[in-house]
Protein backbone atom coordinates (compact mmCIF):
# COMPACT_ATOMS: atom_id res chain seq x y z
CA MET A 1 -11.92 -7.20 -26.06
CA ARG A 2 -11.04 -10.24 -27.92
CA LEU A 3 -8.10 -10.08 -30.32
CA ARG A 4 -8.78 -11.65 -33.91
CA ASN A 5 -6.85 -14.82 -34.33
CA LYS A 6 -3.37 -14.95 -35.48
CA LYS A 7 -2.40 -17.71 -37.60
CA TRP A 8 1.31 -17.70 -36.10
CA ALA A 9 0.43 -17.93 -32.54
CA GLY A 10 0.16 -21.44 -31.95
CA PRO A 11 3.66 -22.38 -33.43
CA TRP A 12 4.97 -19.75 -31.85
CA LEU A 13 3.56 -20.71 -28.42
CA GLU A 14 4.72 -24.18 -28.64
CA ALA A 15 8.00 -22.93 -29.52
CA HIS A 16 8.08 -20.94 -26.65
CA ALA A 17 6.66 -23.00 -23.90
CA ASP A 18 9.37 -22.34 -21.58
CA LEU A 19 8.23 -18.66 -21.69
CA VAL A 20 4.38 -19.19 -22.32
CA ILE A 21 3.57 -21.88 -19.91
CA ASN A 22 0.40 -24.20 -20.79
CA GLN A 23 -2.41 -24.60 -18.29
CA GLN A 24 -1.65 -28.62 -17.44
CA THR A 25 1.96 -27.57 -17.23
CA ALA A 26 1.08 -24.67 -15.19
CA THR A 27 -0.99 -26.81 -13.26
CA ASP A 28 1.54 -29.49 -12.37
CA LEU A 29 4.06 -26.26 -11.06
CA LYS A 30 1.55 -25.58 -8.28
CA GLY A 31 3.73 -25.57 -4.83
CA LYS A 32 6.85 -25.31 -7.55
CA TRP A 33 6.88 -21.89 -9.11
CA GLU A 34 10.32 -20.58 -7.90
CA THR A 35 11.70 -23.55 -9.77
CA VAL A 36 11.19 -21.61 -13.28
CA PHE A 37 12.49 -18.66 -12.38
CA PRO A 38 16.66 -18.10 -12.23
CA VAL A 39 16.32 -16.21 -8.68
CA ALA A 40 13.76 -17.44 -5.76
CA GLN A 41 11.89 -14.03 -4.93
CA PRO A 42 8.34 -12.99 -4.49
CA ILE A 43 5.86 -13.71 -7.18
CA GLN A 44 2.91 -11.52 -8.49
CA ILE A 45 0.58 -11.85 -10.81
CA GLU A 46 -1.84 -10.22 -13.60
CA VAL A 47 -5.09 -11.99 -14.06
CA GLY A 48 -6.03 -10.91 -17.50
CA THR A 49 -2.77 -9.66 -18.64
CA GLY A 50 -3.93 -8.82 -22.66
CA LYS A 51 -0.79 -7.59 -24.77
CA GLY A 52 1.29 -7.61 -21.92
CA ARG A 53 2.54 -3.81 -21.56
CA PHE A 54 1.79 -3.90 -17.63
CA ILE A 55 3.55 -6.76 -16.84
CA ILE A 56 6.34 -6.15 -19.08
CA GLY A 57 6.59 -2.72 -17.38
CA MET A 58 6.42 -4.40 -14.12
CA ALA A 59 9.35 -7.00 -14.87
CA LYS A 60 11.46 -4.23 -16.00
CA LYS A 61 10.87 -1.72 -13.34
CA TYR A 62 11.02 -4.59 -10.50
CA PRO A 63 13.97 -6.97 -10.99
CA ASN A 64 13.58 -8.17 -7.44
CA ILE A 65 10.03 -9.56 -8.19
CA ASN A 66 9.23 -12.64 -10.30
CA PHE A 67 5.98 -12.12 -12.16
CA ILE A 68 3.46 -13.93 -14.07
CA GLY A 69 1.08 -12.66 -16.62
CA MET A 70 -2.10 -14.68 -17.22
CA GLU A 71 -4.72 -14.96 -20.19
CA ILE A 72 -7.10 -17.10 -21.44
CA GLN A 73 -6.87 -16.04 -25.21
CA GLU A 74 -4.50 -17.50 -27.36
CA ALA A 75 -3.51 -14.40 -29.91
CA ALA A 76 -3.32 -12.21 -26.90
CA VAL A 77 -0.81 -14.28 -24.75
CA ALA A 78 1.40 -14.84 -27.91
CA VAL A 79 1.32 -11.19 -28.61
CA ALA A 80 2.47 -10.76 -25.07
CA GLY A 81 4.93 -13.38 -25.03
CA ARG A 82 6.63 -12.22 -28.26
CA MET A 83 6.87 -9.05 -27.09
CA ALA A 84 8.42 -9.95 -23.95
CA ASP A 85 10.94 -12.19 -25.92
CA GLU A 86 12.05 -9.51 -28.60
CA ASP A 87 11.88 -6.57 -25.78
CA GLU A 88 16.08 -5.24 -25.85
CA ALA A 89 15.89 -5.79 -21.83
CA ALA A 90 16.70 -9.14 -20.52
CA LEU A 91 13.25 -10.51 -18.81
CA PRO A 92 14.57 -13.38 -16.56
CA ASN A 93 11.89 -12.82 -14.01
CA LEU A 94 8.56 -12.98 -16.48
CA LYS A 95 6.88 -15.45 -17.37
CA PHE A 96 3.23 -16.19 -19.03
CA ILE A 97 0.54 -18.59 -18.40
CA TYR A 98 -1.86 -19.33 -21.40
CA GLY A 99 -5.16 -20.15 -19.08
CA ASP A 100 -8.04 -19.36 -17.64
CA GLY A 101 -8.01 -17.01 -14.32
CA ALA A 102 -10.66 -18.62 -12.99
CA GLY A 103 -8.80 -21.28 -11.54
CA VAL A 104 -5.88 -19.58 -10.39
CA ASP A 105 -5.59 -22.08 -6.95
CA THR A 106 -5.31 -24.76 -9.23
CA TYR A 107 -2.01 -23.52 -10.35
CA PHE A 108 -0.58 -21.71 -7.00
CA GLU A 109 -0.31 -23.01 -3.50
CA LYS A 110 -1.68 -20.28 -0.63
CA GLY A 111 1.08 -17.93 0.12
CA GLU A 112 2.85 -18.59 -3.18
CA VAL A 113 1.55 -15.58 -4.86
CA SER A 114 2.67 -12.05 -2.78
CA LYS A 115 0.16 -9.88 -4.80
CA VAL A 116 -2.63 -9.74 -7.47
CA PHE A 117 -3.27 -7.15 -10.45
CA LEU A 118 -6.05 -6.73 -12.18
CA ASN A 119 -6.27 -4.26 -15.35
CA PHE A 120 -9.06 -3.07 -17.33
CA SER A 121 -10.88 -6.10 -17.09
CA ASP A 122 -13.73 -7.08 -19.06
CA PRO A 123 -16.95 -5.40 -17.52
CA TRP A 124 -19.41 -7.45 -18.30
CA PRO A 125 -22.29 -4.97 -17.96
CA LYS A 126 -25.46 -7.57 -17.98
CA SER A 127 -26.55 -8.78 -14.46
CA ARG A 128 -26.59 -12.25 -16.09
CA HIS A 129 -23.01 -12.08 -16.83
CA GLU A 130 -22.01 -11.01 -13.19
CA SER A 131 -20.09 -14.61 -12.23
CA ARG A 132 -17.60 -13.67 -15.16
CA ARG A 133 -16.48 -10.30 -13.76
CA LEU A 134 -12.94 -10.67 -12.03
CA THR A 135 -14.22 -9.21 -9.36
CA TYR A 136 -17.29 -11.50 -8.56
CA LYS A 137 -16.89 -13.64 -5.21
CA SER A 138 -15.82 -16.97 -6.89
CA PHE A 139 -12.87 -14.69 -8.11
CA LEU A 140 -12.23 -13.22 -4.97
CA ALA A 141 -11.83 -16.63 -3.11
CA GLY A 142 -9.43 -17.63 -5.79
CA TYR A 143 -7.10 -14.72 -5.22
CA GLN A 144 -7.36 -15.14 -1.36
CA ALA A 145 -6.65 -19.20 -1.38
CA ILE A 146 -3.18 -18.13 -2.92
CA LEU A 147 -2.53 -14.98 -1.67
CA PRO A 148 -0.79 -14.84 2.20
CA ASP A 149 -3.05 -13.47 4.74
CA GLY A 150 -2.84 -9.63 4.03
CA GLY A 151 -1.89 -10.23 0.62
CA GLU A 152 -3.28 -7.61 -1.66
CA LEU A 153 -5.22 -7.11 -4.69
CA GLU A 154 -4.69 -4.24 -7.20
CA PHE A 155 -7.57 -3.44 -9.59
CA LYS A 156 -7.37 -0.50 -12.17
CA THR A 157 -10.52 0.30 -14.76
CA ASP A 158 -11.97 3.46 -16.39
CA ASN A 159 -15.37 1.53 -15.97
CA ARG A 160 -17.45 3.59 -13.41
CA GLY A 161 -20.07 0.97 -13.32
CA LEU A 162 -17.72 -2.15 -12.76
CA PHE A 163 -15.55 0.00 -10.36
CA GLU A 164 -18.54 0.89 -8.14
CA TYR A 165 -19.71 -2.53 -8.51
CA SER A 166 -16.14 -4.28 -7.37
CA LEU A 167 -16.02 -1.96 -4.44
CA TYR A 168 -19.36 -3.53 -3.22
CA SER A 169 -18.13 -6.87 -3.45
CA PHE A 170 -15.03 -6.25 -2.36
CA ASN A 171 -16.73 -4.98 0.76
CA GLN A 172 -19.60 -7.87 1.07
CA PHE A 173 -16.22 -10.38 0.86
CA GLY A 174 -14.87 -8.81 3.65
CA MET A 175 -11.35 -7.30 2.43
CA ASN A 176 -9.59 -4.50 3.77
CA PHE A 177 -10.11 -1.24 2.52
CA LEU A 178 -6.33 -0.09 2.79
CA PRO A 179 -5.85 3.85 3.87
CA ASP A 180 -6.07 6.05 0.73
CA GLY A 181 -6.26 2.67 -1.30
CA ILE A 182 -8.92 4.43 -3.66
CA SER A 183 -8.59 6.46 -6.51
CA LEU A 184 -11.19 7.94 -8.67
CA ASP A 185 -8.93 9.72 -11.05
CA LEU A 186 -5.82 8.42 -10.47
CA HIS A 187 -3.80 10.21 -13.38
CA ALA A 188 -4.59 13.96 -11.42
CA ASP A 189 -2.83 12.32 -8.59
CA ALA A 190 0.94 13.25 -8.82
CA ASP A 191 2.18 11.22 -5.93
CA LYS A 192 0.45 7.85 -7.15
CA MET A 193 1.71 8.47 -10.71
CA ILE A 194 5.14 8.34 -10.00
CA ASP A 195 5.40 4.47 -9.68
CA ASN A 196 2.35 3.73 -11.79
CA VAL A 197 2.93 1.30 -14.44
CA GLU A 198 0.47 1.97 -17.49
CA THR A 199 -1.71 -0.82 -20.13
CA GLU A 200 -2.89 -0.07 -23.47
CA TYR A 201 -6.21 0.44 -22.27
CA GLU A 202 -5.15 2.79 -19.52
CA GLU A 203 -2.93 4.86 -21.69
CA LYS A 204 -5.78 4.85 -24.53
CA PHE A 205 -8.59 6.13 -22.07
CA SER A 206 -6.48 8.60 -20.19
CA GLU A 207 -5.52 10.45 -23.49
CA LEU A 208 -9.22 10.41 -24.14
CA GLY A 209 -9.93 12.35 -20.76
CA PHE A 210 -11.63 9.36 -18.94
CA PRO A 211 -10.92 9.15 -15.50
CA ILE A 212 -8.99 6.04 -14.46
CA TYR A 213 -10.26 4.32 -11.01
CA LYS A 214 -7.82 2.46 -8.70
CA PHE A 215 -8.23 0.37 -5.85
CA VAL A 216 -5.72 -1.35 -3.57
CA GLY A 217 -6.96 -3.75 -0.76
CA SER A 218 -6.00 -6.65 1.40
CA PHE A 219 -7.49 -10.02 2.14
CA LYS A 220 -7.83 -10.97 5.68
């Protein structure tokens, strides 16, 4: 869902270029991302970070991992960045990229990212828009290009149609389906909810009674 434009977003992003990194700078950092964090440790990214609740929650929960949230909408990435900047917790292990997730391999080298998260992506339900879905084969090839062999992809959605399409896409691409890596009702599984970090959409839809679907798999 696209957010309304926010007049403050552009100036705020310019003033916080160290936290929200623009597309050109992100391209220049390919192979050198450890230099933007105070501690060199594994990097995990969320493609389509929205307002940032998930990636901020992950950065708090796992301080021994560096996180990057990617978002193409100016208003959304500005909201996410400001939320992180104003959070009472110091988050030195969190950055954002204001850029297009279709080109992740223009920002990262092979093995530079240890895990990719896709959360409540736009389902693009019309057939003619299939190539825009973040689980389409061209996107999967991009994730594979930046992950190490065996690197994981974690995907959550409330949209049954997108989930079924994505499982087919993952299978056709040759991904490994991990044991117990598929959830058809995540919030009904107490064990899997122990380490679950929610997004804004996840909280909204689960409270309305919609099942949350989850997939965790790896690239060969």
